[in-house]
Amino acid sequence: MSFLRILPAFALIACGSAEKDDTSAFEPSSEPTSEPAAAPTTDPGPTTFDIDFMGAYGIANVTNSTEIASAATVNTDNGPATIDNTFFIVMAYENWSGTISDGDNACILQFSLEGGTVDDSFFTDVTNGWVGWTFSGESNFTGESVGCTSLSSNYTDLYEGFKTADFGLGMAPLSTEMKEALQGEPGSENYTSDEDWAADFAPHYYSQYVKLNSDAFQGGSSGWSAVNFSIGYEVGDDGVLSETTNDDGETVNVLLDITDATFVPDGLQYGSLAFGWGFGG
């Protein structure tokens, strides 16, 4: 297993599923989703699978900069929907669609975010880190996708270890590596100009860090890893995501502005997979 610079699909959650060459994937989203981890799909999935890609990310409603508040609520066309404070570990087969609803082609472990403690190691390991928490996997494990029943027995120790091992979730300013990946190479089809980046992306995007137990990794990477990007949403005193009207007259949720932030602004911190760990050749 190795740590790879893989971008299977930017904005898997907050911005919707997208191919690498789909520039719409890089539009800041104003519509978070409460889509469940194990929603059914039309693809029956493989009989058994080896892990091709693994990632982890979280969704957390933060208050007082270091505390995790109750679940937030978002107004949708079908009425209010709850967005739970959740952490996901995704162990994906090579045919995984890149969306969290494809629980047939990935073993997706889901955890709540109860009883977290601020981890001092985060501030030591991460330059200008805002906050990082550690959680008990054993007490927070809430379920898994149907794809876990098809996971190859070669990964049983990894799978069982993650369900009980502690894990970490943190936030910090956007890392240089993540910025370069999001903005793209100058001259490339997906490149975002410095002017557009400064206006539309820099005020909203930041890095989400995860920490997975090194024993569960069986000798793999440990410590805090900036594998995701995140966008924040303003949450009102009533726990509902704030809304505004954009230039097109559409009702949208209000994005947090993290310009010059030195700590996590209160609101819903919504992570999306970007980098991850690759298995095999």
C-alpha atoms as a PDB file:
ATOM      1  CA  MET A   1       0.000   0.000   0.000  1.00  0.00           C
ATOM      2  CA  SER A   2       1.243   3.465  -0.766  1.00  0.00           C
ATOM      3  CA  PHE A   3       0.169   7.067  -0.359  1.00  0.00           C
ATOM      4  CA  LEU A   4      -0.707   8.295  -3.825  1.00  0.00           C
ATOM      5  CA  ARG A   5      -1.711  11.582  -5.360  1.00  0.00           C
ATOM      6  CA  ILE A   6      -4.973  10.226  -6.690  1.00  0.00           C
ATOM      7  CA  LEU A   7      -7.938  12.380  -7.647  1.00  0.00           C
ATOM      8  CA  PRO A   8     -10.672   9.862  -8.492  1.00  0.00           C
ATOM      9  CA  ALA A   9     -13.371  12.516  -8.498  1.00  0.00           C
ATOM     10  CA  PHE A  10     -13.170  15.984  -7.057  1.00  0.00           C
ATOM     11  CA  ALA A  11     -16.113  17.157  -5.010  1.00  0.00           C
ATOM     12  CA  LEU A  12     -17.564  13.747  -4.408  1.00  0.00           C
ATOM     13  CA  ILE A  13     -20.063  15.132  -1.938  1.00  0.00           C
ATOM     14  CA  ALA A  14     -20.278  18.878  -1.677  1.00  0.00           C
ATOM     15  CA  CYS A  15     -20.045  19.574  -5.393  1.00  0.00           C
ATOM     16  CA  GLY A  16     -21.502  16.375  -6.844  1.00  0.00           C
ATOM     17  CA  SER A  17     -19.834  13.614  -8.790  1.00  0.00           C
ATOM     18  CA  ALA A  18     -17.613  14.726 -11.655  1.00  0.00           C
ATOM     19  CA  GLU A  19     -15.044  13.410 -14.059  1.00  0.00           C
ATOM     20  CA  LYS A  20     -11.493  14.773 -13.858  1.00  0.00           C
ATOM     21  CA  ASP A  21     -12.008  16.862 -17.000  1.00  0.00           C
ATOM     22  CA  ASP A  22     -15.321  18.299 -15.901  1.00  0.00           C
ATOM     23  CA  THR A  23     -14.566  21.896 -14.895  1.00  0.00           C
ATOM     24  CA  SER A  24     -17.948  22.188 -13.205  1.00  0.00           C
ATOM     25  CA  ALA A  25     -16.454  20.071 -10.425  1.00  0.00           C
ATOM     26  CA  PHE A  26     -14.475  23.084  -9.306  1.00  0.00           C
ATOM     27  CA  GLU A  27     -17.424  25.396  -8.732  1.00  0.00           C
ATOM     28  CA  PRO A  28     -17.911  26.180  -5.025  1.00  0.00           C
ATOM     29  CA  SER A  29     -21.099  24.423  -4.025  1.00  0.00           C
ATOM     30  CA  SER A  30     -23.972  25.981  -2.147  1.00  0.00           C
ATOM     31  CA  GLU A  31     -26.026  22.814  -1.878  1.00  0.00           C
ATOM     32  CA  PRO A  32     -24.699  20.240   0.615  1.00  0.00           C
ATOM     33  CA  THR A  33     -26.330  16.847   0.599  1.00  0.00           C
ATOM     34  CA  SER A  34     -27.427  14.500   3.360  1.00  0.00           C
ATOM     35  CA  GLU A  35     -27.084  11.464   1.082  1.00  0.00           C
ATOM     36  CA  PRO A  36     -26.672   8.241   3.131  1.00  0.00           C
ATOM     37  CA  ALA A  37     -23.539   6.147   2.855  1.00  0.00           C
ATOM     38  CA  ALA A  38     -25.259   2.923   1.890  1.00  0.00           C
ATOM     39  CA  ALA A  39     -27.921   4.063  -0.560  1.00  0.00           C
ATOM     40  CA  PRO A  40     -28.835   1.368  -3.107  1.00  0.00           C
ATOM     41  CA  THR A  41     -27.414   1.430  -6.613  1.00  0.00           C
ATOM     42  CA  THR A  42     -28.317  -0.251  -9.893  1.00  0.00           C
ATOM     43  CA  ASP A  43     -24.860  -1.853 -10.193  1.00  0.00           C
ATOM     44  CA  PRO A  44     -24.934  -5.207  -8.366  1.00  0.00           C
ATOM     45  CA  GLY A  45     -21.208  -4.925  -7.632  1.00  0.00           C
ATOM     46  CA  PRO A  46     -18.582  -7.671  -7.676  1.00  0.00           C
ATOM     47  CA  THR A  47     -18.793 -11.015  -5.898  1.00  0.00           C
ATOM     48  CA  THR A  48     -15.571 -10.292  -3.995  1.00  0.00           C
ATOM     49  CA  PHE A  49     -13.136  -7.445  -4.404  1.00  0.00           C
ATOM     50  CA  ASP A  50      -9.664  -6.264  -3.543  1.00  0.00           C
ATOM     51  CA  ILE A  51      -9.201  -2.667  -2.412  1.00  0.00           C
ATOM     52  CA  ASP A  52      -8.059  -0.364  -5.202  1.00  0.00           C
ATOM     53  CA  PHE A  53      -8.389   2.995  -3.439  1.00  0.00           C
ATOM     54  CA  MET A  54      -8.952   4.038   0.159  1.00  0.00           C
ATOM     55  CA  GLY A  55      -9.881   7.412   1.554  1.00  0.00           C
ATOM     56  CA  ALA A  56     -11.540   8.964   4.597  1.00  0.00           C
ATOM     57  CA  TYR A  57     -13.372  12.222   5.239  1.00  0.00           C
ATOM     58  CA  GLY A  58     -15.743  13.875   7.671  1.00  0.00           C
ATOM     59  CA  ILE A  59     -18.710  16.205   8.021  1.00  0.00           C
ATOM     60  CA  ALA A  60     -18.874  18.200  11.251  1.00  0.00           C
ATOM     61  CA  ASN A  61     -20.991  21.076  12.550  1.00  0.00           C
ATOM     62  CA  VAL A  62     -18.492  23.144  14.549  1.00  0.00           C
ATOM     63  CA  THR A  63     -19.256  25.666  17.266  1.00  0.00           C
ATOM     64  CA  ASN A  64     -16.960  27.760  19.473  1.00  0.00           C
ATOM     65  CA  SER A  65     -14.112  26.816  17.108  1.00  0.00           C
ATOM     66  CA  THR A  66     -13.243  23.585  18.940  1.00  0.00           C
ATOM     67  CA  GLU A  67     -16.582  21.946  19.746  1.00  0.00           C
ATOM     68  CA  ILE A  68     -18.821  19.748  17.609  1.00  0.00           C
ATOM     69  CA  ALA A  69     -22.437  20.871  17.792  1.00  0.00           C
ATOM     70  CA  SER A  70     -25.628  18.924  17.164  1.00  0.00           C
ATOM     71  CA  ALA A  71     -26.464  17.839  13.626  1.00  0.00           C
ATOM     72  CA  ALA A  72     -27.301  20.654  11.221  1.00  0.00           C
ATOM     73  CA  THR A  73     -30.410  20.833   9.039  1.00  0.00           C
ATOM     74  CA  VAL A  74     -30.638  21.868   5.400  1.00  0.00           C
ATOM     75  CA  ASN A  75     -33.819  22.890   3.610  1.00  0.00           C
ATOM     76  CA  THR A  76     -34.382  20.869   0.446  1.00  0.00           C
ATOM     77  CA  ASP A  77     -37.110  20.661  -2.194  1.00  0.00           C
ATOM     78  CA  ASN A  78     -38.509  17.738  -0.202  1.00  0.00           C
ATOM     79  CA  GLY A  79     -38.416  19.511   3.149  1.00  0.00           C
ATOM     80  CA  PRO A  80     -35.829  19.748   5.956  1.00  0.00           C
ATOM     81  CA  ALA A  81     -33.061  17.120   5.961  1.00  0.00           C
ATOM     82  CA  THR A  82     -30.623  16.338   8.741  1.00  0.00           C
ATOM     83  CA  ILE A  83     -26.880  16.345   8.053  1.00  0.00           C
ATOM     84  CA  ASP A  84     -25.324  14.232  10.775  1.00  0.00           C
ATOM     85  CA  ASN A  85     -21.822  14.712  12.122  1.00  0.00           C
ATOM     86  CA  THR A  86     -20.190  11.766  10.388  1.00  0.00           C
ATOM     87  CA  PHE A  87     -16.836  10.213   9.489  1.00  0.00           C
ATOM     88  CA  PHE A  88     -16.464   7.810   6.565  1.00  0.00           C
ATOM     89  CA  ILE A  89     -13.716   5.368   5.652  1.00  0.00           C
ATOM     90  CA  VAL A  90     -14.046   4.294   2.014  1.00  0.00           C
ATOM     91  CA  MET A  91     -12.340   1.093   0.810  1.00  0.00           C
ATOM     92  CA  ALA A  92     -13.199   1.070  -2.872  1.00  0.00           C
ATOM     93  CA  TYR A  93     -13.070  -1.508  -5.655  1.00  0.00           C
ATOM     94  CA  GLU A  94     -11.650  -0.395  -9.025  1.00  0.00           C
ATOM     95  CA  ASN A  95     -15.177  -0.056 -10.488  1.00  0.00           C
ATOM     96  CA  TRP A  96     -16.330   2.313  -7.743  1.00  0.00           C
ATOM     97  CA  SER A  97     -18.211   5.238  -9.308  1.00  0.00           C
ATOM     98  CA  GLY A  98     -16.617   7.802  -7.002  1.00  0.00           C
ATOM     99  CA  THR A  99     -19.878   8.637  -5.208  1.00  0.00           C
ATOM    100  CA  ILE A 100     -20.704   7.807  -1.625  1.00  0.00           C
ATOM    101  CA  SER A 101     -24.043   6.314  -2.714  1.00  0.00           C
ATOM    102  CA  ASP A 102     -22.218   3.516  -4.550  1.00  0.00           C
ATOM    103  CA  GLY A 103     -22.088   1.293  -1.490  1.00  0.00           C
ATOM    104  CA  ASP A 104     -22.094  -1.875  -3.597  1.00  0.00           C
ATOM    105  CA  ASN A 105     -18.675  -1.218  -5.120  1.00  0.00           C
ATOM    106  CA  ALA A 106     -16.975  -0.083  -1.935  1.00  0.00           C
ATOM    107  CA  CYS A 107     -16.851  -1.057   1.704  1.00  0.00           C
ATOM    108  CA  ILE A 108     -17.855   2.184   3.400  1.00  0.00           C
ATOM    109  CA  LEU A 109     -17.581   2.343   7.183  1.00  0.00           C
ATOM    110  CA  GLN A 110     -19.594   5.050   8.905  1.00  0.00           C
ATOM    111  CA  PHE A 111     -18.934   6.612  12.310  1.00  0.00           C
ATOM    112  CA  SER A 112     -20.606   9.284  14.416  1.00  0.00           C
ATOM    113  CA  LEU A 113     -18.521  12.052  15.999  1.00  0.00           C
ATOM    114  CA  GLU A 114     -19.354  11.717  19.682  1.00  0.00           C
ATOM    115  CA  GLY A 115     -16.945  12.263  22.561  1.00  0.00           C
ATOM    116  CA  GLY A 116     -14.152  13.781  20.509  1.00  0.00           C
ATOM    117  CA  THR A 117     -11.152  15.324  22.243  1.00  0.00           C
ATOM    118  CA  VAL A 118      -8.895  18.044  20.863  1.00  0.00           C
ATOM    119  CA  ASP A 119      -5.613  16.352  19.882  1.00  0.00           C
ATOM    120  CA  ASP A 120      -2.507  18.344  20.792  1.00  0.00           C
ATOM    121  CA  SER A 121      -0.474  16.417  18.213  1.00  0.00           C
ATOM    122  CA  PHE A 122      -2.426  18.148  15.465  1.00  0.00           C
ATOM    123  CA  PHE A 123      -0.948  21.523  16.341  1.00  0.00           C
ATOM    124  CA  THR A 124       2.530  20.004  16.457  1.00  0.00           C
ATOM    125  CA  ASP A 125       2.257  18.134  13.167  1.00  0.00           C
ATOM    126  CA  VAL A 126       0.257  20.644  11.102  1.00  0.00           C
ATOM    127  CA  THR A 127       1.592  24.131  10.407  1.00  0.00           C
ATOM    128  CA  ASN A 128      -1.023  26.766  11.324  1.00  0.00           C
ATOM    129  CA  GLY A 129      -3.517  23.999  12.121  1.00  0.00           C
ATOM    130  CA  TRP A 130      -6.921  25.185  13.265  1.00  0.00           C
ATOM    131  CA  VAL A 131      -8.202  22.188  15.209  1.00  0.00           C
ATOM    132  CA  GLY A 132      -7.959  18.405  15.206  1.00  0.00           C
ATOM    133  CA  TRP A 133      -9.979  15.898  17.213  1.00  0.00           C
ATOM    134  CA  THR A 134      -9.555  12.205  17.914  1.00  0.00           C
ATOM    135  CA  PHE A 135     -12.504   9.853  18.344  1.00  0.00           C
ATOM    136  CA  SER A 136     -13.071   6.306  19.494  1.00  0.00           C
ATOM    137  CA  GLY A 137     -13.894   4.116  16.521  1.00  0.00           C
ATOM    138  CA  GLU A 138     -15.349   1.417  18.707  1.00  0.00           C
ATOM    139  CA  SER A 139     -17.903   3.684  20.398  1.00  0.00           C
ATOM    140  CA  ASN A 140     -18.726   5.708  17.258  1.00  0.00           C
ATOM    141  CA  PHE A 141     -19.084   2.952  14.647  1.00  0.00           C
ATOM    142  CA  THR A 142     -22.645   3.102  13.291  1.00  0.00           C
ATOM    143  CA  GLY A 143     -22.729   0.889  10.221  1.00  0.00           C
ATOM    144  CA  GLU A 144     -21.328  -0.149   6.879  1.00  0.00           C
ATOM    145  CA  SER A 145     -22.339  -0.440   3.235  1.00  0.00           C
ATOM    146  CA  VAL A 146     -23.440  -3.696   1.631  1.00  0.00           C
ATOM    147  CA  GLY A 147     -20.144  -3.774  -0.270  1.00  0.00           C
ATOM    148  CA  CYS A 148     -18.332  -4.794   2.915  1.00  0.00           C
ATOM    149  CA  THR A 149     -19.816  -8.292   2.567  1.00  0.00           C
ATOM    150  CA  SER A 150     -17.874  -8.641  -0.711  1.00  0.00           C
ATOM    151  CA  LEU A 151     -14.527  -7.485   0.661  1.00  0.00           C
ATOM    152  CA  SER A 152     -11.731  -9.988   0.032  1.00  0.00           C
ATOM    153  CA  SER A 153     -10.596 -11.896   3.102  1.00  0.00           C
ATOM    154  CA  ASN A 154      -7.123 -10.465   2.431  1.00  0.00           C
ATOM    155  CA  TYR A 155      -8.385  -7.273   4.055  1.00  0.00           C
ATOM    156  CA  THR A 156     -10.216  -8.714   7.047  1.00  0.00           C
ATOM    157  CA  ASP A 157      -7.660  -7.384   9.548  1.00  0.00           C
ATOM    158  CA  LEU A 158      -7.790  -3.929   7.987  1.00  0.00           C
ATOM    159  CA  TYR A 159     -11.594  -3.912   7.958  1.00  0.00           C
ATOM    160  CA  GLU A 160     -11.976  -5.177  11.532  1.00  0.00           C
ATOM    161  CA  GLY A 161      -9.247  -2.857  12.779  1.00  0.00           C
ATOM    162  CA  PHE A 162     -10.856   0.273  11.412  1.00  0.00           C
ATOM    163  CA  LYS A 163     -14.171  -0.524  13.115  1.00  0.00           C
ATOM    164  CA  THR A 164     -12.569  -0.276  16.566  1.00  0.00           C
ATOM    165  CA  ALA A 165      -9.458   1.895  16.133  1.00  0.00           C
ATOM    166  CA  ASP A 166      -9.358   5.560  17.073  1.00  0.00           C
ATOM    167  CA  PHE A 167      -9.434   8.046  14.210  1.00  0.00           C
ATOM    168  CA  GLY A 168      -8.793  11.765  13.797  1.00  0.00           C
ATOM    169  CA  LEU A 169     -10.405  14.656  11.926  1.00  0.00           C
ATOM    170  CA  GLY A 170      -8.911  18.127  11.584  1.00  0.00           C
ATOM    171  CA  MET A 171      -8.974  21.369   9.600  1.00  0.00           C
ATOM    172  CA  ALA A 172      -6.291  23.826   8.510  1.00  0.00           C
ATOM    173  CA  PRO A 173      -5.600  26.327   5.714  1.00  0.00           C
ATOM    174  CA  LEU A 174      -5.430  24.815   2.243  1.00  0.00           C
ATOM    175  CA  SER A 175      -2.156  22.959   1.756  1.00  0.00           C
ATOM    176  CA  THR A 176       0.091  23.891  -1.164  1.00  0.00           C
ATOM    177  CA  GLU A 177      -0.323  20.440  -2.677  1.00  0.00           C
ATOM    178  CA  MET A 178      -4.112  20.617  -2.472  1.00  0.00           C
ATOM    179  CA  LYS A 179      -4.207  24.125  -3.942  1.00  0.00           C
ATOM    180  CA  GLU A 180      -2.073  23.030  -6.899  1.00  0.00           C
ATOM    181  CA  ALA A 181      -4.318  20.028  -7.503  1.00  0.00           C
ATOM    182  CA  LEU A 182      -7.520  22.062  -7.305  1.00  0.00           C
ATOM    183  CA  GLN A 183      -6.311  25.003  -9.381  1.00  0.00           C
ATOM    184  CA  GLY A 184      -4.690  22.834 -12.050  1.00  0.00           C
ATOM    185  CA  GLU A 185      -1.591  23.316 -14.164  1.00  0.00           C
ATOM    186  CA  PRO A 186      -1.275  26.604 -16.092  1.00  0.00           C
ATOM    187  CA  GLY A 187      -2.295  26.002 -19.677  1.00  0.00           C
ATOM    188  CA  SER A 188      -4.288  22.873 -18.873  1.00  0.00           C
ATOM    189  CA  GLU A 189      -7.989  22.503 -19.622  1.00  0.00           C
ATOM    190  CA  ASN A 190      -8.888  22.528 -15.929  1.00  0.00           C
ATOM    191  CA  TYR A 191      -6.684  25.462 -14.954  1.00  0.00           C
ATOM    192  CA  THR A 192      -8.326  28.196 -12.873  1.00  0.00           C
ATOM    193  CA  SER A 193      -6.691  31.590 -13.347  1.00  0.00           C
ATOM    194  CA  ASP A 194      -5.097  33.270 -10.342  1.00  0.00           C
ATOM    195  CA  GLU A 195      -7.729  36.012 -10.576  1.00  0.00           C
ATOM    196  CA  ASP A 196     -10.647  33.574 -10.533  1.00  0.00           C
ATOM    197  CA  TRP A 197      -8.986  31.519  -7.826  1.00  0.00           C
ATOM    198  CA  ALA A 198      -8.597  34.548  -5.574  1.00  0.00           C
ATOM    199  CA  ALA A 199     -12.195  35.632  -6.122  1.00  0.00           C
ATOM    200  CA  ASP A 200     -14.096  32.352  -6.053  1.00  0.00           C
ATOM    201  CA  PHE A 201     -11.993  29.670  -4.368  1.00  0.00           C
ATOM    202  CA  ALA A 202      -9.451  31.078  -1.925  1.00  0.00           C
ATOM    203  CA  PRO A 203     -12.171  32.527   0.357  1.00  0.00           C
ATOM    204  CA  HIS A 204     -13.883  29.148   0.775  1.00  0.00           C
ATOM    205  CA  TYR A 205     -11.565  26.149   0.347  1.00  0.00           C
ATOM    206  CA  TYR A 206      -9.373  24.691   3.105  1.00  0.00           C
ATOM    207  CA  SER A 207      -7.743  21.367   3.901  1.00  0.00           C
ATOM    208  CA  GLN A 208      -9.329  18.566   5.856  1.00  0.00           C
ATOM    209  CA  TYR A 209      -6.919  16.242   7.651  1.00  0.00           C
ATOM    210  CA  VAL A 210      -7.551  12.688   8.760  1.00  0.00           C
ATOM    211  CA  LYS A 211      -5.602  10.385  11.047  1.00  0.00           C
ATOM    212  CA  LEU A 212      -6.075   6.640  10.795  1.00  0.00           C
ATOM    213  CA  ASN A 213      -4.608   4.101  13.191  1.00  0.00           C
ATOM    214  CA  SER A 214      -1.228   2.851  11.968  1.00  0.00           C
ATOM    215  CA  ASP A 215      -1.902  -0.692  13.195  1.00  0.00           C
ATOM    216  CA  ALA A 216      -5.019  -0.858  11.054  1.00  0.00           C
ATOM    217  CA  PHE A 217      -2.888   0.350   8.161  1.00  0.00           C
ATOM    218  CA  GLN A 218      -0.617  -2.644   8.700  1.00  0.00           C
ATOM    219  CA  GLY A 219       2.525  -0.596   8.414  1.00  0.00           C
ATOM    220  CA  GLY A 220       1.133   2.129   6.184  1.00  0.00           C
ATOM    221  CA  SER A 221       0.987   5.860   6.628  1.00  0.00           C
ATOM    222  CA  SER A 222       0.160   7.200  10.078  1.00  0.00           C
ATOM    223  CA  GLY A 223      -0.219  10.631  11.595  1.00  0.00           C
ATOM    224  CA  TRP A 224      -2.186  13.541  10.167  1.00  0.00           C
ATOM    225  CA  SER A 225      -2.656  13.538   6.390  1.00  0.00           C
ATOM    226  CA  ALA A 226      -4.123  16.422   4.343  1.00  0.00           C
ATOM    227  CA  VAL A 227      -6.019  14.123   2.003  1.00  0.00           C
ATOM    228  CA  ASN A 228      -9.201  16.182   1.513  1.00  0.00           C
ATOM    229  CA  PHE A 229     -10.477  19.656   0.835  1.00  0.00           C
ATOM    230  CA  SER A 230     -13.417  21.172   2.650  1.00  0.00           C
ATOM    231  CA  ILE A 231     -16.004  23.926   2.289  1.00  0.00           C
ATOM    232  CA  GLY A 232     -17.924  25.449   5.187  1.00  0.00           C
ATOM    233  CA  TYR A 233     -21.560  26.499   5.397  1.00  0.00           C
ATOM    234  CA  GLU A 234     -23.084  29.097   7.702  1.00  0.00           C
ATOM    235  CA  VAL A 235     -25.477  27.634  10.265  1.00  0.00           C
ATOM    236  CA  GLY A 236     -28.034  29.787  12.065  1.00  0.00           C
ATOM    237  CA  ASP A 237     -28.811  29.732  15.769  1.00  0.00           C
ATOM    238  CA  ASP A 238     -31.681  27.367  14.994  1.00  0.00           C
ATOM    239  CA  GLY A 239     -29.265  24.798  13.544  1.00  0.00           C
ATOM    240  CA  VAL A 240     -30.484  25.344   9.956  1.00  0.00           C
ATOM    241  CA  LEU A 241     -28.099  26.220   7.135  1.00  0.00           C
ATOM    242  CA  SER A 242     -28.437  29.886   6.234  1.00  0.00           C
ATOM    243  CA  GLU A 243     -29.808  30.818   2.825  1.00  0.00           C
ATOM    244  CA  THR A 244     -29.431  33.726   0.450  1.00  0.00           C
ATOM    245  CA  THR A 245     -30.362  34.593  -3.127  1.00  0.00           C
ATOM    246  CA  ASN A 246     -27.653  34.535  -5.793  1.00  0.00           C
ATOM    247  CA  ASP A 247     -27.345  36.707  -8.904  1.00  0.00           C
ATOM    248  CA  ASP A 248     -29.574  34.304 -10.843  1.00  0.00           C
ATOM    249  CA  GLY A 249     -32.376  34.649  -8.304  1.00  0.00           C
ATOM    250  CA  GLU A 250     -31.801  31.149  -6.913  1.00  0.00           C
ATOM    251  CA  THR A 251     -31.951  30.301  -3.209  1.00  0.00           C
ATOM    252  CA  VAL A 252     -28.566  28.945  -2.122  1.00  0.00           C
ATOM    253  CA  ASN A 253     -26.817  28.128   1.130  1.00  0.00           C
ATOM    254  CA  VAL A 254     -24.290  30.638   2.461  1.00  0.00           C
ATOM    255  CA  LEU A 255     -20.627  29.601   2.186  1.00  0.00           C
ATOM    256  CA  LEU A 256     -18.272  30.498   5.033  1.00  0.00           C
ATOM    257  CA  ASP A 257     -15.471  32.931   4.210  1.00  0.00           C
ATOM    258  CA  ILE A 258     -12.194  31.640   5.660  1.00  0.00           C
ATOM    259  CA  THR A 259      -9.996  34.494   4.382  1.00  0.00           C
ATOM    260  CA  ASP A 260      -7.157  35.041   6.887  1.00  0.00           C
ATOM    261  CA  ALA A 261      -8.816  32.633   9.334  1.00  0.00           C
ATOM    262  CA  THR A 262      -6.652  31.476  12.245  1.00  0.00           C
ATOM    263  CA  PHE A 263      -9.235  29.058  13.624  1.00  0.00           C
ATOM    264  CA  VAL A 264     -12.201  27.071  12.340  1.00  0.00           C
ATOM    265  CA  PRO A 265     -15.163  29.370  11.723  1.00  0.00           C
ATOM    266  CA  ASP A 266     -18.384  28.100  13.260  1.00  0.00           C
ATOM    267  CA  GLY A 267     -20.578  26.244  10.803  1.00  0.00           C
ATOM    268  CA  LEU A 268     -20.922  22.986   8.897  1.00  0.00           C
ATOM    269  CA  GLN A 269     -17.498  21.767   7.759  1.00  0.00           C
ATOM    270  CA  TYR A 270     -18.133  19.599   4.713  1.00  0.00           C
ATOM    271  CA  GLY A 271     -15.211  17.487   3.518  1.00  0.00           C
ATOM    272  CA  SER A 272     -14.763  15.920   0.076  1.00  0.00           C
ATOM    273  CA  LEU A 273     -12.374  13.165  -0.945  1.00  0.00           C
ATOM    274  CA  ALA A 274      -9.410  14.266  -3.042  1.00  0.00           C
ATOM    275  CA  PHE A 275      -6.243  12.287  -2.285  1.00  0.00           C
ATOM    276  CA  GLY A 276      -6.071   8.782  -0.856  1.00  0.00           C
ATOM    277  CA  TRP A 277      -4.176   5.561  -0.479  1.00  0.00           C
ATOM    278  CA  GLY A 278      -3.715   3.220  -3.408  1.00  0.00           C
ATOM    279  CA  PHE A 279      -3.305  -0.563  -3.221  1.00  0.00           C
ATOM    280  CA  GLY A 280      -1.495  -2.860  -5.584  1.00  0.00           C
ATOM    281  CA  GLY A 281       0.576  -1.995  -8.632  1.00  0.00           C
END
